[in-house]
C-alpha atoms as a PDB file:
ATOM      1  CA  MET A   1      21.601 -85.464  46.800  1.00  0.00           C
ATOM      2  CA  VAL A   2      22.886 -85.757  43.183  1.00  0.00           C
ATOM      3  CA  PHE A   3      24.972 -88.833  41.811  1.00  0.00           C
ATOM      4  CA  ILE A   4      26.343 -89.659  38.404  1.00  0.00           C
ATOM      5  CA  LEU A   5      26.199 -93.052  37.221  1.00  0.00           C
ATOM      6  CA  HIS A   6      28.759 -94.716  34.719  1.00  0.00           C
ATOM      7  CA  PRO A   7      27.392 -94.347  31.036  1.00  0.00           C
ATOM      8  CA  ARG A   8      28.223 -98.367  30.540  1.00  0.00           C
ATOM      9  CA  LEU A   9      24.974 -99.056  32.387  1.00  0.00           C
ATOM     10  CA  ASP A  10      21.917 -99.934  30.449  1.00  0.00           C
ATOM     11  CA  GLU A  11      18.448 -99.162  31.547  1.00  0.00           C
ATOM     12  CA  GLU A  12      18.246-102.118  33.915  1.00  0.00           C
ATOM     13  CA  GLY A  13      21.497-101.365  35.406  1.00  0.00           C
ATOM     14  CA  VAL A  14      20.565 -97.851  36.121  1.00  0.00           C
ATOM     15  CA  ALA A  15      17.458 -98.986  37.807  1.00  0.00           C
ATOM     16  CA  SER A  16      19.451-101.480  39.709  1.00  0.00           C
ATOM     17  CA  ALA A  17      22.008 -98.794  40.852  1.00  0.00           C
ATOM     18  CA  ILE A  18      19.280 -96.434  41.972  1.00  0.00           C
ATOM     19  CA  GLU A  19      17.654 -99.258  43.944  1.00  0.00           C
ATOM     20  CA  GLN A  20      20.906-100.001  45.619  1.00  0.00           C
ATOM     21  CA  VAL A  21      21.405 -96.309  46.642  1.00  0.00           C
ATOM     22  CA  THR A  22      17.827 -96.239  48.007  1.00  0.00           C
ATOM     23  CA  ASN A  23      18.479 -99.427  50.023  1.00  0.00           C
ATOM     24  CA  TRP A  24      21.559 -97.903  51.676  1.00  0.00           C
ATOM     25  CA  ILE A  25      19.532 -94.825  52.591  1.00  0.00           C
ATOM     26  CA  VAL A  26      16.665 -97.038  54.045  1.00  0.00           C
ATOM     27  CA  SER A  27      18.837 -99.483  55.848  1.00  0.00           C
ATOM     28  CA  SER A  28      20.607 -96.436  57.803  1.00  0.00           C
ATOM     29  CA  GLY A  29      17.229 -95.232  59.010  1.00  0.00           C
ATOM     30  CA  GLY A  30      16.687 -92.507  56.414  1.00  0.00           C
ATOM     31  CA  GLU A  31      13.902 -92.135  53.945  1.00  0.00           C
ATOM     32  CA  VAL A  32      13.837 -91.206  50.248  1.00  0.00           C
ATOM     33  CA  ILE A  33      11.277 -88.530  49.522  1.00  0.00           C
ATOM     34  CA  GLU A  34      11.644 -88.114  45.771  1.00  0.00           C
ATOM     35  CA  THR A  35      13.968 -89.764  43.050  1.00  0.00           C
ATOM     36  CA  GLU A  36      14.144 -87.758  39.845  1.00  0.00           C
ATOM     37  CA  PRO A  37      16.259 -89.409  37.079  1.00  0.00           C
ATOM     38  CA  TRP A  38      17.559 -86.797  34.661  1.00  0.00           C
ATOM     39  CA  GLY A  39      19.088 -89.055  32.068  1.00  0.00           C
ATOM     40  CA  ARG A  40      22.119 -89.432  30.297  1.00  0.00           C
ATOM     41  CA  ARG A  41      23.938 -85.963  29.928  1.00  0.00           C
ATOM     42  CA  ARG A  42      27.200 -84.551  28.671  1.00  0.00           C
ATOM     43  CA  LEU A  43      29.692 -83.805  31.544  1.00  0.00           C
ATOM     44  CA  ALA A  44      31.526 -80.496  31.853  1.00  0.00           C
ATOM     45  CA  TYR A  45      34.823 -82.336  32.109  1.00  0.00           C
ATOM     46  CA  PRO A  46      35.862 -85.997  31.754  1.00  0.00           C
ATOM     47  CA  ILE A  47      35.381 -88.267  34.816  1.00  0.00           C
ATOM     48  CA  GLN A  48      37.247 -91.627  34.585  1.00  0.00           C
ATOM     49  CA  LYS A  49      37.724 -90.876  31.006  1.00  0.00           C
ATOM     50  CA  GLN A  50      34.077 -90.554  30.298  1.00  0.00           C
ATOM     51  CA  TRP A  51      32.431 -87.510  28.829  1.00  0.00           C
ATOM     52  CA  GLU A  52      28.712 -88.683  29.627  1.00  0.00           C
ATOM     53  CA  GLY A  53      26.911 -89.835  32.655  1.00  0.00           C
ATOM     54  CA  TYR A  54      23.519 -90.768  34.001  1.00  0.00           C
ATOM     55  CA  TYR A  55      22.392 -88.117  36.459  1.00  0.00           C
ATOM     56  CA  VAL A  56      19.887 -88.926  39.346  1.00  0.00           C
ATOM     57  CA  VAL A  57      18.591 -86.489  41.936  1.00  0.00           C
ATOM     58  CA  GLN A  58      17.316 -87.863  45.197  1.00  0.00           C
ATOM     59  CA  ARG A  59      15.649 -85.752  47.883  1.00  0.00           C
ATOM     60  CA  LEU A  60      16.065 -87.724  51.158  1.00  0.00           C
ATOM     61  CA  ARG A  61      15.868 -87.276  54.916  1.00  0.00           C
ATOM     62  CA  MET A  62      18.297 -88.826  57.078  1.00  0.00           C
ATOM     63  CA  ALA A  63      20.212 -88.461  60.378  1.00  0.00           C
ATOM     64  CA  PRO A  64      23.521 -86.409  59.955  1.00  0.00           C
ATOM     65  CA  GLU A  65      25.551 -89.394  61.570  1.00  0.00           C
ATOM     66  CA  ALA A  66      24.310 -91.622  58.754  1.00  0.00           C
ATOM     67  CA  VAL A  67      25.683 -89.463  56.027  1.00  0.00           C
ATOM     68  CA  ALA A  68      29.288 -90.622  56.413  1.00  0.00           C
ATOM     69  CA  GLU A  69      28.348 -94.214  55.883  1.00  0.00           C
ATOM     70  CA  LEU A  70      26.231 -93.249  52.800  1.00  0.00           C
ATOM     71  CA  GLU A  71      29.147 -91.353  51.231  1.00  0.00           C
ATOM     72  CA  ARG A  72      31.373 -94.477  52.099  1.00  0.00           C
ATOM     73  CA  ASN A  73      29.168 -96.700  49.979  1.00  0.00           C
ATOM     74  CA  LEU A  74      28.815 -94.158  47.237  1.00  0.00           C
ATOM     75  CA  ARG A  75      32.683 -93.948  46.983  1.00  0.00           C
ATOM     76  CA  LEU A  76      33.031 -97.613  46.940  1.00  0.00           C
ATOM     77  CA  SER A  77      30.569 -98.184  44.251  1.00  0.00           C
ATOM     78  CA  GLU A  78      31.957 -98.856  40.668  1.00  0.00           C
ATOM     79  CA  ASP A  79      28.710 -97.646  39.189  1.00  0.00           C
ATOM     80  CA  VAL A  80      28.868 -94.054  40.814  1.00  0.00           C
ATOM     81  CA  MET A  81      31.220 -91.809  39.230  1.00  0.00           C
ATOM     82  CA  ARG A  82      30.493 -88.706  41.445  1.00  0.00           C
ATOM     83  CA  HIS A  83      28.073 -87.681  44.123  1.00  0.00           C
ATOM     84  CA  LEU A  84      27.104 -84.653  45.921  1.00  0.00           C
ATOM     85  CA  ILE A  85      25.150 -84.514  49.093  1.00  0.00           C
ATOM     86  CA  VAL A  86      23.810 -80.971  50.347  1.00  0.00           C
ATOM     87  CA  ARG A  87      21.561 -79.882  53.192  1.00  0.00           C
ATOM     88  CA  PRO A  88      18.943 -77.554  51.962  1.00  0.00           C
ATOM     89  CA  GLY A  89      18.866 -74.169  53.699  1.00  0.00           C
ATOM     90  CA  ALA A  90      16.487 -73.231  56.440  1.00  0.00           C
END
């Protein structure tokens, strides 16, 4: 999963947002294998009138039924501007 956090967040806010996303995954029975913060990067096009965002990549394992709830939480979060969840190929 990749998600982009709003650039208004400071380091503490970014850490809190990552922890919140991790808690959503764990509470739905999933597990986070690895969290890789990529840092602040320029976006290819503006999202919510912003040209920068804080990228985070998480490798996770969770049941397919739980993904819908995770996506719902990500969409409702004001700190997450975009997200993408993909299943690695076999």
